[in-house]
Amino acid sequence: MIDKTVTELMPPQVVNVVGTGDGGITRSTTATTPPDQPNLVITYIPKFKALAARAVHMFAMTFGALALAGMGTDIIPYQDFLDLLWKCVQLSAIATFGDFLKGVPTITSQWAKDNPLLSGEV
């Protein structure tokens, strides 16, 4: 009997890297790995896009939570639905600005890599 070894090719794994700044990674770079591991497709994301994505995500999550809390309880007093939405927009903007202030040093500097516990990125 002849033994046949079948090698199954694994699909490449996509890894997103936020602004390295050294220019070593172009728009999309493939890192070749040993045959028993999947190749890595490294996608470069500019720092400003990462900050914008975090801000949009924070605003949407905060706005949704506040709107649901306001409609379901009396935590946020309001006169009509538009008044509630306006208050939720204002409170969400404040939370988004606070998260943005935290995100700028985390994304744009080496500080978060040197101090993962202090930056909350663990």
PDB file of N, CA and C in Angstrom:
ATOM      1  N   MET A   1       0.826  -1.177   0.000  1.00  0.00           N
ATOM      2  CA  MET A   1       0.000   0.000   0.000  1.00  0.00           C
ATOM      3  C   MET A   1       0.880   1.254   0.000  1.00  0.00           C
ATOM      4  N   ILE A   2       0.515   2.207  -0.773  1.00  0.00           N
ATOM      5  CA  ILE A   2       1.269   3.459  -0.856  1.00  0.00           C
ATOM      6  C   ILE A   2       0.584   4.502   0.035  1.00  0.00           C
ATOM      7  N   ASP A   3       1.382   5.099   0.901  1.00  0.00           N
ATOM      8  CA  ASP A   3       0.840   6.167   1.749  1.00  0.00           C
ATOM      9  C   ASP A   3       0.903   7.482   0.997  1.00  0.00           C
ATOM     10  N   LYS A   4      -0.204   8.171   0.974  1.00  0.00           N
ATOM     11  CA  LYS A   4      -0.239   9.481   0.342  1.00  0.00           C
ATOM     12  C   LYS A   4      -0.461  10.532   1.417  1.00  0.00           C
ATOM     13  N   THR A   5       0.348  11.525   1.385  1.00  0.00           N
ATOM     14  CA  THR A   5       0.167  12.636   2.303  1.00  0.00           C
ATOM     15  C   THR A   5      -0.471  13.775   1.530  1.00  0.00           C
ATOM     16  N   VAL A   6      -1.609  14.209   2.011  1.00  0.00           N
ATOM     17  CA  VAL A   6      -2.319  15.304   1.355  1.00  0.00           C
ATOM     18  C   VAL A   6      -2.057  16.582   2.147  1.00  0.00           C
ATOM     19  N   THR A   7      -1.499  17.546   1.487  1.00  0.00           N
ATOM     20  CA  THR A   7      -1.256  18.835   2.117  1.00  0.00           C
ATOM     21  C   THR A   7      -2.400  19.767   1.763  1.00  0.00           C
ATOM     22  N   GLU A   8      -3.077  20.232   2.783  1.00  0.00           N
ATOM     23  CA  GLU A   8      -4.210  21.125   2.560  1.00  0.00           C
ATOM     24  C   GLU A   8      -3.733  22.567   2.661  1.00  0.00           C
ATOM     25  N   LEU A   9      -4.005  23.342   1.634  1.00  0.00           N
ATOM     26  CA  LEU A   9      -3.622  24.748   1.653  1.00  0.00           C
ATOM     27  C   LEU A   9      -4.613  25.530   2.498  1.00  0.00           C
ATOM     28  N   MET A  10      -4.069  26.314   3.396  1.00  0.00           N
ATOM     29  CA  MET A  10      -4.916  27.136   4.261  1.00  0.00           C
ATOM     30  C   MET A  10      -5.102  28.493   3.615  1.00  0.00           C
ATOM     31  N   PRO A  11      -6.304  29.060   3.737  1.00  0.00           N
ATOM     32  CA  PRO A  11      -6.502  30.402   3.180  1.00  0.00           C
ATOM     33  C   PRO A  11      -5.694  31.425   3.967  1.00  0.00           C
ATOM     34  N   PRO A  12      -5.251  32.468   3.313  1.00  0.00           N
ATOM     35  CA  PRO A  12      -4.459  33.479   4.025  1.00  0.00           C
ATOM     36  C   PRO A  12      -5.303  34.211   5.065  1.00  0.00           C
ATOM     37  N   GLN A  13      -4.662  34.625   6.137  1.00  0.00           N
ATOM     38  CA  GLN A  13      -5.316  35.369   7.212  1.00  0.00           C
ATOM     39  C   GLN A  13      -5.014  36.853   7.039  1.00  0.00           C
ATOM     40  N   VAL A  14      -6.045  37.681   7.175  1.00  0.00           N
ATOM     41  CA  VAL A  14      -5.876  39.126   7.022  1.00  0.00           C
ATOM     42  C   VAL A  14      -5.574  39.738   8.379  1.00  0.00           C
ATOM     43  N   VAL A  15      -4.527  40.551   8.440  1.00  0.00           N
ATOM     44  CA  VAL A  15      -4.118  41.245   9.654  1.00  0.00           C
ATOM     45  C   VAL A  15      -4.094  42.734   9.353  1.00  0.00           C
ATOM     46  N   ASN A  16      -4.766  43.529  10.169  1.00  0.00           N
ATOM     47  CA  ASN A  16      -4.775  44.979   9.984  1.00  0.00           C
ATOM     48  C   ASN A  16      -3.735  45.614  10.890  1.00  0.00           C
ATOM     49  N   VAL A  17      -2.923  46.493  10.318  1.00  0.00           N
ATOM     50  CA  VAL A  17      -1.889  47.200  11.060  1.00  0.00           C
ATOM     51  C   VAL A  17      -2.161  48.689  10.943  1.00  0.00           C
ATOM     52  N   VAL A  18      -2.242  49.357  12.089  1.00  0.00           N
ATOM     53  CA  VAL A  18      -2.501  50.793  12.097  1.00  0.00           C
ATOM     54  C   VAL A  18      -1.183  51.524  12.049  1.00  0.00           C
ATOM     55  N   GLY A  19      -1.037  52.414  11.073  1.00  0.00           N
ATOM     56  CA  GLY A  19       0.072  53.334  10.861  1.00  0.00           C
ATOM     57  C   GLY A  19       1.381  53.028  11.531  1.00  0.00           C
ATOM     58  N   THR A  20       2.250  52.281  10.862  1.00  0.00           N
ATOM     59  CA  THR A  20       3.554  51.981  11.442  1.00  0.00           C
ATOM     60  C   THR A  20       4.510  53.153  11.310  1.00  0.00           C
ATOM     61  N   GLY A  21       4.350  53.959  10.283  1.00  0.00           N
ATOM     62  CA  GLY A  21       5.174  55.149  10.127  1.00  0.00           C
ATOM     63  C   GLY A  21       6.535  54.918   9.515  1.00  0.00           C
ATOM     64  N   ASP A  22       6.970  53.667   9.384  1.00  0.00           N
ATOM     65  CA  ASP A  22       8.296  53.435   8.825  1.00  0.00           C
ATOM     66  C   ASP A  22       8.271  53.193   7.321  1.00  0.00           C
ATOM     67  N   GLY A  23       7.084  53.081   6.730  1.00  0.00           N
ATOM     68  CA  GLY A  23       6.971  52.909   5.288  1.00  0.00           C
ATOM     69  C   GLY A  23       7.255  51.506   4.804  1.00  0.00           C
ATOM     70  N   GLY A  24       7.478  50.558   5.728  1.00  0.00           N
ATOM     71  CA  GLY A  24       7.782  49.192   5.343  1.00  0.00           C
ATOM     72  C   GLY A  24       6.583  48.426   4.822  1.00  0.00           C
ATOM     73  N   ILE A  25       5.397  48.859   5.202  1.00  0.00           N
ATOM     74  CA  ILE A  25       4.181  48.172   4.765  1.00  0.00           C
ATOM     75  C   ILE A  25       3.458  49.060   3.769  1.00  0.00           C
ATOM     76  N   THR A  26       3.210  48.519   2.607  1.00  0.00           N
ATOM     77  CA  THR A  26       2.441  49.261   1.615  1.00  0.00           C
ATOM     78  C   THR A  26       0.964  48.959   1.838  1.00  0.00           C
ATOM     79  N   ARG A  27       0.138  49.318   0.872  1.00  0.00           N
ATOM     80  CA  ARG A  27      -1.319  49.156   1.020  1.00  0.00           C
ATOM     81  C   ARG A  27      -1.702  47.736   1.434  1.00  0.00           C
ATOM     82  N   SER A  28      -1.133  46.740   0.816  1.00  0.00           N
ATOM     83  CA  SER A  28      -1.398  45.347   1.177  1.00  0.00           C
ATOM     84  C   SER A  28      -0.141  44.532   0.916  1.00  0.00           C
ATOM     85  N   THR A  29       0.380  43.909   1.944  1.00  0.00           N
ATOM     86  CA  THR A  29       1.609  43.144   1.847  1.00  0.00           C
ATOM     87  C   THR A  29       1.319  41.709   2.287  1.00  0.00           C
ATOM     88  N   THR A  30       1.862  40.739   1.599  1.00  0.00           N
ATOM     89  CA  THR A  30       1.681  39.341   1.984  1.00  0.00           C
ATOM     90  C   THR A  30       2.956  38.824   2.615  1.00  0.00           C
ATOM     91  N   ALA A  31       2.815  38.275   3.819  1.00  0.00           N
ATOM     92  CA  ALA A  31       3.943  37.656   4.504  1.00  0.00           C
ATOM     93  C   ALA A  31       3.847  36.154   4.292  1.00  0.00           C
ATOM     94  N   THR A  32       4.875  35.580   3.688  1.00  0.00           N
ATOM     95  CA  THR A  32       4.890  34.148   3.409  1.00  0.00           C
ATOM     96  C   THR A  32       5.341  33.402   4.653  1.00  0.00           C
ATOM     97  N   THR A  33       4.597  32.351   5.002  1.00  0.00           N
ATOM     98  CA  THR A  33       4.888  31.562   6.196  1.00  0.00           C
ATOM     99  C   THR A  33       5.228  30.134   5.787  1.00  0.00           C
ATOM    100  N   PRO A  34       5.650  29.305   6.736  1.00  0.00           N
ATOM    101  CA  PRO A  34       5.937  27.897   6.410  1.00  0.00           C
ATOM    102  C   PRO A  34       4.695  27.194   5.851  1.00  0.00           C
ATOM    103  N   PRO A  35       4.888  26.074   5.155  1.00  0.00           N
ATOM    104  CA  PRO A  35       3.770  25.403   4.481  1.00  0.00           C
ATOM    105  C   PRO A  35       2.624  24.974   5.398  1.00  0.00           C
ATOM    106  N   ASP A  36       2.903  24.691   6.669  1.00  0.00           N
ATOM    107  CA  ASP A  36       1.847  24.218   7.564  1.00  0.00           C
ATOM    108  C   ASP A  36       1.090  25.365   8.251  1.00  0.00           C
ATOM    109  N   GLN A  37       1.395  26.599   7.877  1.00  0.00           N
ATOM    110  CA  GLN A  37       0.723  27.760   8.465  1.00  0.00           C
ATOM    111  C   GLN A  37       0.178  28.644   7.352  1.00  0.00           C
ATOM    112  N   PRO A  38      -0.909  29.371   7.627  1.00  0.00           N
ATOM    113  CA  PRO A  38      -1.469  30.242   6.579  1.00  0.00           C
ATOM    114  C   PRO A  38      -0.594  31.480   6.364  1.00  0.00           C
ATOM    115  N   ASN A  39      -0.560  31.964   5.135  1.00  0.00           N
ATOM    116  CA  ASN A  39       0.132  33.221   4.853  1.00  0.00           C
ATOM    117  C   ASN A  39      -0.644  34.362   5.495  1.00  0.00           C
ATOM    118  N   LEU A  40       0.028  35.457   5.750  1.00  0.00           N
ATOM    119  CA  LEU A  40      -0.603  36.631   6.348  1.00  0.00           C
ATOM    120  C   LEU A  40      -0.699  37.742   5.325  1.00  0.00           C
ATOM    121  N   VAL A  41      -1.869  38.274   5.147  1.00  0.00           N
ATOM    122  CA  VAL A  41      -2.065  39.439   4.293  1.00  0.00           C
ATOM    123  C   VAL A  41      -2.178  40.630   5.229  1.00  0.00           C
ATOM    124  N   ILE A  42      -1.174  41.476   5.208  1.00  0.00           N
ATOM    125  CA  ILE A  42      -1.117  42.614   6.125  1.00  0.00           C
ATOM    126  C   ILE A  42      -1.677  43.836   5.417  1.00  0.00           C
ATOM    127  N   THR A  43      -2.717  44.409   5.997  1.00  0.00           N
ATOM    128  CA  THR A  43      -3.359  45.587   5.432  1.00  0.00           C
ATOM    129  C   THR A  43      -2.998  46.796   6.290  1.00  0.00           C
ATOM    130  N   TYR A  44      -2.470  47.819   5.664  1.00  0.00           N
ATOM    131  CA  TYR A  44      -2.084  49.047   6.346  1.00  0.00           C
ATOM    132  C   TYR A  44      -3.290  49.969   6.473  1.00  0.00           C
ATOM    133  N   ILE A  45      -3.540  50.473   7.672  1.00  0.00           N
ATOM    134  CA  ILE A  45      -4.623  51.425   7.914  1.00  0.00           C
ATOM    135  C   ILE A  45      -3.995  52.716   8.436  1.00  0.00           C
ATOM    136  N   PRO A  46      -4.222  53.845   7.752  1.00  0.00           N
ATOM    137  CA  PRO A  46      -3.671  55.112   8.244  1.00  0.00           C
ATOM    138  C   PRO A  46      -4.234  55.470   9.620  1.00  0.00           C
ATOM    139  N   LYS A  47      -3.434  56.195  10.387  1.00  0.00           N
ATOM    140  CA  LYS A  47      -3.826  56.538  11.760  1.00  0.00           C
ATOM    141  C   LYS A  47      -5.112  57.351  11.806  1.00  0.00           C
ATOM    142  N   PHE A  48      -5.288  58.293  10.882  1.00  0.00           N
ATOM    143  CA  PHE A  48      -6.495  59.122  10.932  1.00  0.00           C
ATOM    144  C   PHE A  48      -7.745  58.300  10.658  1.00  0.00           C
ATOM    145  N   LYS A  49      -7.629  57.265   9.805  1.00  0.00           N
ATOM    146  CA  LYS A  49      -8.789  56.400   9.555  1.00  0.00           C
ATOM    147  C   LYS A  49      -9.123  55.569  10.792  1.00  0.00           C
ATOM    148  N   ALA A  50      -8.104  55.120  11.505  1.00  0.00           N
ATOM    149  CA  ALA A  50      -8.344  54.356  12.728  1.00  0.00           C
ATOM    150  C   ALA A  50      -9.011  55.229  13.787  1.00  0.00           C
ATOM    151  N   LEU A  51      -8.554  56.475  13.914  1.00  0.00           N
ATOM    152  CA  LEU A  51      -9.176  57.393  14.876  1.00  0.00           C
ATOM    153  C   LEU A  51     -10.612  57.706  14.485  1.00  0.00           C
ATOM    154  N   ALA A  52     -10.866  57.905  13.202  1.00  0.00           N
ATOM    155  CA  ALA A  52     -12.229  58.193  12.741  1.00  0.00           C
ATOM    156  C   ALA A  52     -13.143  56.994  12.974  1.00  0.00           C
ATOM    157  N   ALA A  53     -12.651  55.801  12.715  1.00  0.00           N
ATOM    158  CA  ALA A  53     -13.466  54.597  12.926  1.00  0.00           C
ATOM    159  C   ALA A  53     -13.806  54.425  14.403  1.00  0.00           C
ATOM    160  N   ARG A  54     -12.828  54.680  15.280  1.00  0.00           N
ATOM    161  CA  ARG A  54     -13.102  54.588  16.718  1.00  0.00           C
ATOM    162  C   ARG A  54     -14.129  55.620  17.145  1.00  0.00           C
ATOM    163  N   ALA A  55     -14.024  56.844  16.612  1.00  0.00           N
ATOM    164  CA  ALA A  55     -14.956  57.904  16.993  1.00  0.00           C
ATOM    165  C   ALA A  55     -16.372  57.582  16.526  1.00  0.00           C
ATOM    166  N   VAL A  56     -16.511  57.121  15.295  1.00  0.00           N
ATOM    167  CA  VAL A  56     -17.851  56.779  14.776  1.00  0.00           C
ATOM    168  C   VAL A  56     -18.449  55.627  15.578  1.00  0.00           C
ATOM    169  N   HIS A  57     -17.639  54.632  15.886  1.00  0.00           N
ATOM    170  CA  HIS A  57     -18.125  53.494  16.666  1.00  0.00           C
ATOM    171  C   HIS A  57     -18.565  53.943  18.062  1.00  0.00           C
ATOM    172  N   MET A  58     -17.753  54.754  18.716  1.00  0.00           N
ATOM    173  CA  MET A  58     -18.092  55.225  20.065  1.00  0.00           C
ATOM    174  C   MET A  58     -19.367  56.052  20.049  1.00  0.00           C
ATOM    175  N   PHE A  59     -19.504  56.950  19.071  1.00  0.00           N
ATOM    176  CA  PHE A  59     -20.695  57.788  18.992  1.00  0.00           C
ATOM    177  C   PHE A  59     -21.939  56.924  18.776  1.00  0.00           C
ATOM    178  N   ALA A  60     -21.869  55.978  17.852  1.00  0.00           N
ATOM    179  CA  ALA A  60     -23.030  55.137  17.549  1.00  0.00           C
ATOM    180  C   ALA A  60     -23.432  54.283  18.746  1.00  0.00           C
ATOM    181  N   MET A  61     -22.474  53.690  19.420  1.00  0.00           N
ATOM    182  CA  MET A  61     -22.795  52.846  20.574  1.00  0.00           C
ATOM    183  C   MET A  61     -23.372  53.670  21.724  1.00  0.00           C
ATOM    184  N   THR A  62     -22.785  54.826  21.994  1.00  0.00           N
ATOM    185  CA  THR A  62     -23.275  55.664  23.083  1.00  0.00           C
ATOM    186  C   THR A  62     -24.653  56.224  22.756  1.00  0.00           C
ATOM    187  N   PHE A  63     -24.826  56.682  21.532  1.00  0.00           N
ATOM    188  CA  PHE A  63     -26.125  57.235  21.125  1.00  0.00           C
ATOM    189  C   PHE A  63     -27.217  56.173  21.231  1.00  0.00           C
ATOM    190  N   GLY A  64     -26.945  54.986  20.739  1.00  0.00           N
ATOM    191  CA  GLY A  64     -27.934  53.916  20.805  1.00  0.00           C
ATOM    192  C   GLY A  64     -28.302  53.550  22.231  1.00  0.00           C
ATOM    193  N   ALA A  65     -27.296  53.439  23.083  1.00  0.00           N
ATOM    194  CA  ALA A  65     -27.560  53.085  24.479  1.00  0.00           C
ATOM    195  C   ALA A  65     -28.352  54.174  25.192  1.00  0.00           C
ATOM    196  N   LEU A  66     -27.979  55.433  24.958  1.00  0.00           N
ATOM    197  CA  LEU A  66     -28.696  56.527  25.609  1.00  0.00           C
ATOM    198  C   LEU A  66     -30.124  56.653  25.097  1.00  0.00           C
ATOM    199  N   ALA A  67     -30.324  56.474  23.801  1.00  0.00           N
ATOM    200  CA  ALA A  67     -31.674  56.567  23.242  1.00  0.00           C
ATOM    201  C   ALA A  67     -32.562  55.461  23.805  1.00  0.00           C
ATOM    202  N   LEU A  68     -32.035  54.247  23.892  1.00  0.00           N
ATOM    203  CA  LEU A  68     -32.821  53.152  24.459  1.00  0.00           C
ATOM    204  C   LEU A  68     -33.102  53.375  25.939  1.00  0.00           C
ATOM    205  N   ALA A  69     -32.101  53.855  26.671  1.00  0.00           N
ATOM    206  CA  ALA A  69     -32.303  54.129  28.097  1.00  0.00           C
ATOM    207  C   ALA A  69     -33.305  55.262  28.292  1.00  0.00           C
ATOM    208  N   GLY A  70     -33.234  56.273  27.436  1.00  0.00           N
ATOM    209  CA  GLY A  70     -34.154  57.403  27.552  1.00  0.00           C
ATOM    210  C   GLY A  70     -35.585  57.034  27.228  1.00  0.00           C
ATOM    211  N   MET A  71     -35.773  56.175  26.229  1.00  0.00           N
ATOM    212  CA  MET A  71     -37.128  55.774  25.858  1.00  0.00           C
ATOM    213  C   MET A  71     -37.716  54.769  26.840  1.00  0.00           C
ATOM    214  N   GLY A  72     -36.871  53.937  27.428  1.00  0.00           N
ATOM    215  CA  GLY A  72     -37.365  52.880  28.296  1.00  0.00           C
ATOM    216  C   GLY A  72     -37.495  53.254  29.758  1.00  0.00           C
ATOM    217  N   THR A  73     -36.841  54.328  30.174  1.00  0.00           N
ATOM    218  CA  THR A  73     -36.866  54.726  31.581  1.00  0.00           C
ATOM    219  C   THR A  73     -37.034  56.239  31.667  1.00  0.00           C
ATOM    220  N   ASP A  74     -37.020  56.740  32.883  1.00  0.00           N
ATOM    221  CA  ASP A  74     -37.075  58.187  33.115  1.00  0.00           C
ATOM    222  C   ASP A  74     -35.709  58.750  33.484  1.00  0.00           C
ATOM    223  N   ILE A  75     -34.638  58.055  33.095  1.00  0.00           N
ATOM    224  CA  ILE A  75     -33.282  58.504  33.430  1.00  0.00           C
ATOM    225  C   ILE A  75     -32.965  59.832  32.756  1.00  0.00           C
ATOM    226  N   ILE A  76     -33.358  59.977  31.494  1.00  0.00           N
ATOM    227  CA  ILE A  76     -33.127  61.221  30.757  1.00  0.00           C
ATOM    228  C   ILE A  76     -34.484  61.911  30.573  1.00  0.00           C
ATOM    229  N   PRO A  77     -34.745  62.987  31.308  1.00  0.00           N
ATOM    230  CA  PRO A  77     -36.038  63.669  31.143  1.00  0.00           C
ATOM    231  C   PRO A  77     -36.091  64.398  29.791  1.00  0.00           C
ATOM    232  N   TYR A  78     -37.232  64.295  29.120  1.00  0.00           N
ATOM    233  CA  TYR A  78     -37.375  64.946  27.816  1.00  0.00           C
ATOM    234  C   TYR A  78     -38.833  65.329  27.587  1.00  0.00           C
ATOM    235  N   GLN A  79     -39.036  66.336  26.715  1.00  0.00           N
ATOM    236  CA  GLN A  79     -40.372  66.824  26.400  1.00  0.00           C
ATOM    237  C   GLN A  79     -41.015  66.040  25.265  1.00  0.00           C
ATOM    238  N   ASP A  80     -40.245  65.808  24.214  1.00  0.00           N
ATOM    239  CA  ASP A  80     -40.727  65.028  23.079  1.00  0.00           C
ATOM    240  C   ASP A  80     -39.557  64.216  22.521  1.00  0.00           C
ATOM    241  N   PHE A  81     -39.826  63.445  21.503  1.00  0.00           N
ATOM    242  CA  PHE A  81     -38.809  62.535  20.970  1.00  0.00           C
ATOM    243  C   PHE A  81     -37.595  63.283  20.412  1.00  0.00           C
ATOM    244  N   LEU A  82     -37.813  64.397  19.726  1.00  0.00           N
ATOM    245  CA  LEU A  82     -36.684  65.171  19.180  1.00  0.00           C
ATOM    246  C   LEU A  82     -35.819  65.750  20.294  1.00  0.00           C
ATOM    247  N   ASP A  83     -36.448  66.132  21.393  1.00  0.00           N
ATOM    248  CA  ASP A  83     -35.696  66.625  22.550  1.00  0.00           C
ATOM    249  C   ASP A  83     -34.804  65.508  23.102  1.00  0.00           C
ATOM    250  N   LEU A  84     -35.357  64.301  23.185  1.00  0.00           N
ATOM    251  CA  LEU A  84     -34.563  63.155  23.645  1.00  0.00           C
ATOM    252  C   LEU A  84     -33.390  62.896  22.700  1.00  0.00           C
ATOM    253  N   LEU A  85     -33.646  62.909  21.398  1.00  0.00           N
ATOM    254  CA  LEU A  85     -32.569  62.667  20.438  1.00  0.00           C
ATOM    255  C   LEU A  85     -31.475  63.724  20.539  1.00  0.00           C
ATOM    256  N   TRP A  86     -31.864  64.984  20.703  1.00  0.00           N
ATOM    257  CA  TRP A  86     -30.876  66.059  20.821  1.00  0.00           C
ATOM    258  C   TRP A  86     -30.024  65.879  22.076  1.00  0.00           C
ATOM    259  N   LYS A  87     -30.637  65.502  23.188  1.00  0.00           N
ATOM    260  CA  LYS A  87     -29.874  65.267  24.418  1.00  0.00           C
ATOM    261  C   LYS A  87     -28.932  64.073  24.240  1.00  0.00           C
ATOM    262  N   CYS A  88     -29.396  63.043  23.547  1.00  0.00           N
ATOM    263  CA  CYS A  88     -28.537  61.879  23.302  1.00  0.00           C
ATOM    264  C   CYS A  88     -27.356  62.241  22.402  1.00  0.00           C
ATOM    265  N   VAL A  89     -27.583  63.090  21.411  1.00  0.00           N
ATOM    266  CA  VAL A  89     -26.491  63.545  20.540  1.00  0.00           C
ATOM    267  C   VAL A  89     -25.458  64.317  21.351  1.00  0.00           C
ATOM    268  N   GLN A  90     -25.917  65.215  22.221  1.00  0.00           N
ATOM    269  CA  GLN A  90     -24.989  66.012  23.026  1.00  0.00           C
ATOM    270  C   GLN A  90     -24.167  65.129  23.965  1.00  0.00           C
ATOM    271  N   LEU A  91     -24.832  64.201  24.654  1.00  0.00           N
ATOM    272  CA  LEU A  91     -24.113  63.324  25.572  1.00  0.00           C
ATOM    273  C   LEU A  91     -23.173  62.377  24.828  1.00  0.00           C
ATOM    274  N   SER A  92     -23.578  61.920  23.665  1.00  0.00           N
ATOM    275  CA  SER A  92     -22.728  61.028  22.871  1.00  0.00           C
ATOM    276  C   SER A  92     -21.501  61.767  22.352  1.00  0.00           C
ATOM    277  N   ALA A  93     -21.669  63.025  21.987  1.00  0.00           N
ATOM    278  CA  ALA A  93     -20.530  63.817  21.515  1.00  0.00           C
ATOM    279  C   ALA A  93     -19.504  63.989  22.627  1.00  0.00           C
ATOM    280  N   ILE A  94     -19.970  64.190  23.847  1.00  0.00           N
ATOM    281  CA  ILE A  94     -19.040  64.331  24.978  1.00  0.00           C
ATOM    282  C   ILE A  94     -18.277  63.031  25.199  1.00  0.00           C
ATOM    283  N   ALA A  95     -18.983  61.898  25.182  1.00  0.00           N
ATOM    284  CA  ALA A  95     -18.321  60.605  25.367  1.00  0.00           C
ATOM    285  C   ALA A  95     -17.345  60.315  24.227  1.00  0.00           C
ATOM    286  N   THR A  96     -17.729  60.675  23.009  1.00  0.00           N
ATOM    287  CA  THR A  96     -16.859  60.452  21.850  1.00  0.00           C
ATOM    288  C   THR A  96     -15.598  61.294  21.951  1.00  0.00           C
ATOM    289  N   PHE A  97     -15.734  62.539  22.398  1.00  0.00           N
ATOM    290  CA  PHE A  97     -14.568  63.411  22.557  1.00  0.00           C
ATOM    291  C   PHE A  97     -13.614  62.843  23.612  1.00  0.00           C
ATOM    292  N   GLY A  98     -14.163  62.335  24.716  1.00  0.00           N
ATOM    293  CA  GLY A  98     -13.322  61.721  25.748  1.00  0.00           C
ATOM    294  C   GLY A  98     -12.588  60.495  25.224  1.00  0.00           C
ATOM    295  N   ASP A  99     -13.273  59.670  24.452  1.00  0.00           N
ATOM    296  CA  ASP A  99     -12.643  58.499  23.865  1.00  0.00           C
ATOM    297  C   ASP A  99     -11.597  58.903  22.829  1.00  0.00           C
ATOM    298  N   PHE A 100     -11.873  59.973  22.084  1.00  0.00           N
ATOM    299  CA  PHE A 100     -10.910  60.474  21.103  1.00  0.00           C
ATOM    300  C   PHE A 100      -9.628  60.928  21.798  1.00  0.00           C
ATOM    301  N   LEU A 101      -9.782  61.633  22.938  1.00  0.00           N
ATOM    302  CA  LEU A 101      -8.592  62.074  23.680  1.00  0.00           C
ATOM    303  C   LEU A 101      -7.772  60.896  24.178  1.00  0.00           C
ATOM    304  N   LYS A 102      -8.433  59.795  24.514  1.00  0.00           N
ATOM    305  CA  LYS A 102      -7.716  58.590  24.916  1.00  0.00           C
ATOM    306  C   LYS A 102      -7.098  57.901  23.699  1.00  0.00           C
ATOM    307  N   GLY A 103      -7.788  57.934  22.563  1.00  0.00           N
ATOM    308  CA  GLY A 103      -7.329  57.224  21.384  1.00  0.00           C
ATOM    309  C   GLY A 103      -6.141  57.849  20.691  1.00  0.00           C
ATOM    310  N   VAL A 104      -6.009  59.175  20.757  1.00  0.00           N
ATOM    311  CA  VAL A 104      -4.906  59.844  20.065  1.00  0.00           C
ATOM    312  C   VAL A 104      -3.545  59.348  20.554  1.00  0.00           C
ATOM    313  N   PRO A 105      -3.255  59.385  21.856  1.00  0.00           N
ATOM    314  CA  PRO A 105      -1.934  58.870  22.254  1.00  0.00           C
ATOM    315  C   PRO A 105      -1.809  57.361  22.074  1.00  0.00           C
ATOM    316  N   THR A 106      -2.907  56.648  22.188  1.00  0.00           N
ATOM    317  CA  THR A 106      -2.852  55.193  22.028  1.00  0.00           C
ATOM    318  C   THR A 106      -2.468  54.821  20.606  1.00  0.00           C
ATOM    319  N   ILE A 107      -3.053  55.491  19.629  1.00  0.00           N
ATOM    320  CA  ILE A 107      -2.810  55.129  18.225  1.00  0.00           C
ATOM    321  C   ILE A 107      -1.576  55.809  17.653  1.00  0.00           C
ATOM    322  N   THR A 108      -1.312  57.033  18.041  1.00  0.00           N
ATOM    323  CA  THR A 108      -0.245  57.783  17.381  1.00  0.00           C
ATOM    324  C   THR A 108       1.124  57.665  18.043  1.00  0.00           C
ATOM    325  N   SER A 109       1.231  56.994  19.159  1.00  0.00           N
ATOM    326  CA  SER A 109       2.538  56.955  19.813  1.00  0.00           C
ATOM    327  C   SER A 109       2.911  55.537  20.209  1.00  0.00           C
ATOM    328  N   GLN A 110       4.099  55.407  20.665  1.00  0.00           N
ATOM    329  CA  GLN A 110       4.628  54.139  21.154  1.00  0.00           C
ATOM    330  C   GLN A 110       4.212  53.908  22.601  1.00  0.00           C
ATOM    331  N   TRP A 111       3.605  54.911  23.235  1.00  0.00           N
ATOM    332  CA  TRP A 111       3.284  54.848  24.660  1.00  0.00           C
ATOM    333  C   TRP A 111       2.413  53.651  25.005  1.00  0.00           C
ATOM    334  N   ALA A 112       1.400  53.346  24.180  1.00  0.00           N
ATOM    335  CA  ALA A 112       0.489  52.237  24.464  1.00  0.00           C
ATOM    336  C   ALA A 112       1.208  50.897  24.409  1.00  0.00           C
ATOM    337  N   LYS A 113       2.187  50.780  23.536  1.00  0.00           N
ATOM    338  CA  LYS A 113       2.937  49.523  23.459  1.00  0.00           C
ATOM    339  C   LYS A 113       3.853  49.360  24.659  1.00  0.00           C
ATOM    340  N   ASP A 114       4.386  50.474  25.154  1.00  0.00           N
ATOM    341  CA  ASP A 114       5.267  50.422  26.309  1.00  0.00           C
ATOM    342  C   ASP A 114       4.500  50.253  27.616  1.00  0.00           C
ATOM    343  N   ASN A 115       3.243  50.725  27.678  1.00  0.00           N
ATOM    344  CA  ASN A 115       2.435  50.693  28.894  1.00  0.00           C
ATOM    345  C   ASN A 115       1.047  50.117  28.615  1.00  0.00           C
ATOM    346  N   PRO A 116       0.937  48.835  28.284  1.00  0.00           N
ATOM    347  CA  PRO A 116      -0.365  48.286  27.914  1.00  0.00           C
ATOM    348  C   PRO A 116      -1.389  48.311  29.038  1.00  0.00           C
ATOM    349  N   LEU A 117      -0.941  48.142  30.281  1.00  0.00           N
ATOM    350  CA  LEU A 117      -1.888  48.171  31.395  1.00  0.00           C
ATOM    351  C   LEU A 117      -2.454  49.563  31.632  1.00  0.00           C
ATOM    352  N   LEU A 118      -1.622  50.572  31.510  1.00  0.00           N
ATOM    353  CA  LEU A 118      -2.087  51.940  31.725  1.00  0.00           C
ATOM    354  C   LEU A 118      -2.971  52.452  30.603  1.00  0.00           C
ATOM    355  N   SER A 119      -2.754  51.956  29.384  1.00  0.00           N
ATOM    356  CA  SER A 119      -3.535  52.438  28.234  1.00  0.00           C
ATOM    357  C   SER A 119      -4.862  51.697  28.086  1.00  0.00           C
ATOM    358  N   GLY A 120      -5.074  50.609  28.804  1.00  0.00           N
ATOM    359  CA  GLY A 120      -6.307  49.855  28.693  1.00  0.00           C
ATOM    360  C   GLY A 120      -6.372  48.990  27.446  1.00  0.00           C
ATOM    361  N   GLU A 121      -5.238  48.721  26.835  1.00  0.00           N
ATOM    362  CA  GLU A 121      -5.208  47.944  25.589  1.00  0.00           C
ATOM    363  C   GLU A 121      -4.792  46.504  25.830  1.00  0.00           C
ATOM    364  N   VAL A 122      -5.077  45.965  27.006  1.00  0.00           N
ATOM    365  CA  VAL A 122      -4.707  44.578  27.308  1.00  0.00           C
ATOM    366  C   VAL A 122      -5.842  43.662  26.956  1.00  0.00           C
TER     367      VAL A 122
END
